Structure formats: C-alpha cells, structure tokens
C-alpha cells in the first residue's frame, strides 16, 4: 500500500468505504479517491473498519506515508513548480 488509492482499492468500492466510515453521503468515498486524500478525522474509523473487514496493514503510519507521497497529478505539478523555481533562480 503505497498510495491512498491503494488503500481505498482494498474496499469493494469507494461507496462501501464511505459507508464503513459512517459518512452521510456515499459519494464522499469517490471524492476521497479522486483527491487522493482521506481526511485525518476519518483515520481512526478507517483503521477500525479495515480490521472488521479483515484488511490487514492499515495503520496510522501507513496512512501518514500514503499521504506524504504525491498522487500522479500532484507529483507532476510539484516537478513543474520546482523546475520553474530553478529557472527563476538562474
């Protein structure tokens, strides 16, 4: 599990994840998947839900590491910003 997408993919669907987290709208699971981010406030319930489903390896450390890695879009954006900053400094 390297990314948030990997974690969400452990559930049958993003909607199922949202239900397990007790979210009012199942679409919030899809939103988290699209953003590549699970709000910290949901982490305790996520860890608990994973245990109930028999999903192993979901810990706070795993969640922190997954959120520390940029998603595909963010990584490309950060690389462009870094390259742009280097050009300005030169």
Protein backbone atom coordinates (compact mmCIF):
# COMPACT_ATOMS: atom_id res chain seq x y z
CA UNK A 1 0.00 0.00 0.00
CA UNK A 2 1.92 2.94 -1.26
CA UNK A 3 -0.83 5.43 -2.04
CA UNK A 4 -4.24 6.49 -0.83
CA UNK A 5 -5.65 4.93 -3.99
CA UNK A 6 -4.09 1.60 -2.97
CA UNK A 7 -5.77 1.83 0.43
CA UNK A 8 -9.19 2.73 -0.98
CA UNK A 9 -8.86 -0.11 -3.51
CA UNK A 10 -8.86 -2.60 -0.63
CA UNK A 11 -12.60 -1.97 -0.27
CA UNK A 12 -15.13 -3.37 -2.75
CA UNK A 13 -15.90 0.23 -3.75
CA UNK A 14 -15.34 3.80 -2.61
CA UNK A 15 -19.03 3.88 -1.66
CA UNK A 16 -18.53 0.88 0.65
CA UNK A 17 -15.63 2.68 2.27
CA UNK A 18 -17.81 5.74 2.83
CA UNK A 19 -20.47 3.53 4.46
CA UNK A 20 -17.87 1.90 6.69
CA UNK A 21 -16.68 5.35 7.76
CA UNK A 22 -20.24 6.37 8.61
CA UNK A 23 -20.29 9.19 6.08
CA UNK A 24 -23.68 10.67 5.23
CA UNK A 25 -23.08 10.54 1.50
CA UNK A 26 -21.56 7.55 -0.23
CA UNK A 27 -20.22 9.90 -2.89
CA UNK A 28 -17.70 11.18 -0.34
CA UNK A 29 -15.77 7.95 -0.83
CA UNK A 30 -15.47 8.75 -4.52
CA UNK A 31 -14.37 12.30 -3.68
CA UNK A 32 -11.62 10.99 -1.39
CA UNK A 33 -10.48 8.63 -4.13
CA UNK A 34 -10.43 11.42 -6.73
CA UNK A 35 -8.49 13.74 -4.41
CA UNK A 36 -6.13 11.00 -3.32
CA UNK A 37 -6.68 12.01 0.27
CA UNK A 38 -8.56 10.67 3.27
CA UNK A 39 -9.17 13.38 5.89
CA UNK A 40 -7.33 12.67 9.15
CA UNK A 41 -10.59 12.86 11.10
CA UNK A 42 -11.64 9.58 9.40
CA UNK A 43 -8.42 7.66 10.08
CA UNK A 44 -9.49 6.04 13.39
CA UNK A 45 -12.72 4.74 11.79
CA UNK A 46 -10.80 3.64 8.69
CA UNK A 47 -8.39 1.56 10.77
CA UNK A 48 -11.30 0.07 12.72
CA UNK A 49 -13.29 -0.67 9.55
CA UNK A 50 -10.28 -2.35 7.96
CA UNK A 51 -9.91 -4.64 10.98
CA UNK A 52 -13.63 -5.53 10.87
CA UNK A 53 -13.30 -6.44 7.18
CA UNK A 54 -10.15 -8.46 7.81
CA UNK A 55 -8.00 -6.00 5.88
CA UNK A 56 -4.53 -6.11 7.38
CA UNK A 57 -1.82 -3.49 7.36
CA UNK A 58 -3.83 -0.28 7.70
CA UNK A 59 -2.09 1.70 10.44
CA UNK A 60 -1.55 5.36 11.22
CA UNK A 61 1.99 5.01 9.90
CA UNK A 62 0.72 3.58 6.60
CA UNK A 63 -1.80 6.41 6.29
CA UNK A 64 0.81 9.08 7.01
CA UNK A 65 3.19 7.60 4.45
CA UNK A 66 0.45 7.28 1.83
CA UNK A 67 -0.47 10.93 2.27
CA UNK A 68 3.17 12.03 2.20
CA UNK A 69 3.53 10.70 -1.36
CA UNK A 70 2.13 12.97 -4.04
CA UNK A 71 -0.52 11.48 -6.28
CA UNK A 72 0.18 11.38 -10.02
CA UNK A 73 -1.22 14.84 -10.65
CA UNK A 74 0.41 16.42 -7.62
CA UNK A 75 3.82 14.96 -8.40
CA UNK A 76 3.81 16.34 -11.91
CA UNK A 77 2.68 19.71 -10.62
CA UNK A 78 5.41 19.78 -7.98
CA UNK A 79 8.04 18.87 -10.55
CA UNK A 80 6.89 21.74 -12.80
CA UNK A 81 6.97 24.17 -9.87
CA UNK A 82 10.46 23.02 -8.91
CA UNK A 83 11.75 23.38 -12.47
CA UNK A 84 10.15 26.80 -12.73
CA UNK A 85 11.78 27.91 -9.47
CA UNK A 86 15.20 26.74 -10.68
CA UNK A 87 14.83 28.75 -13.90
CA UNK A 88 13.89 31.88 -11.95
CA UNK A 89 16.88 31.45 -9.62
CA UNK A 90 19.32 31.16 -12.55
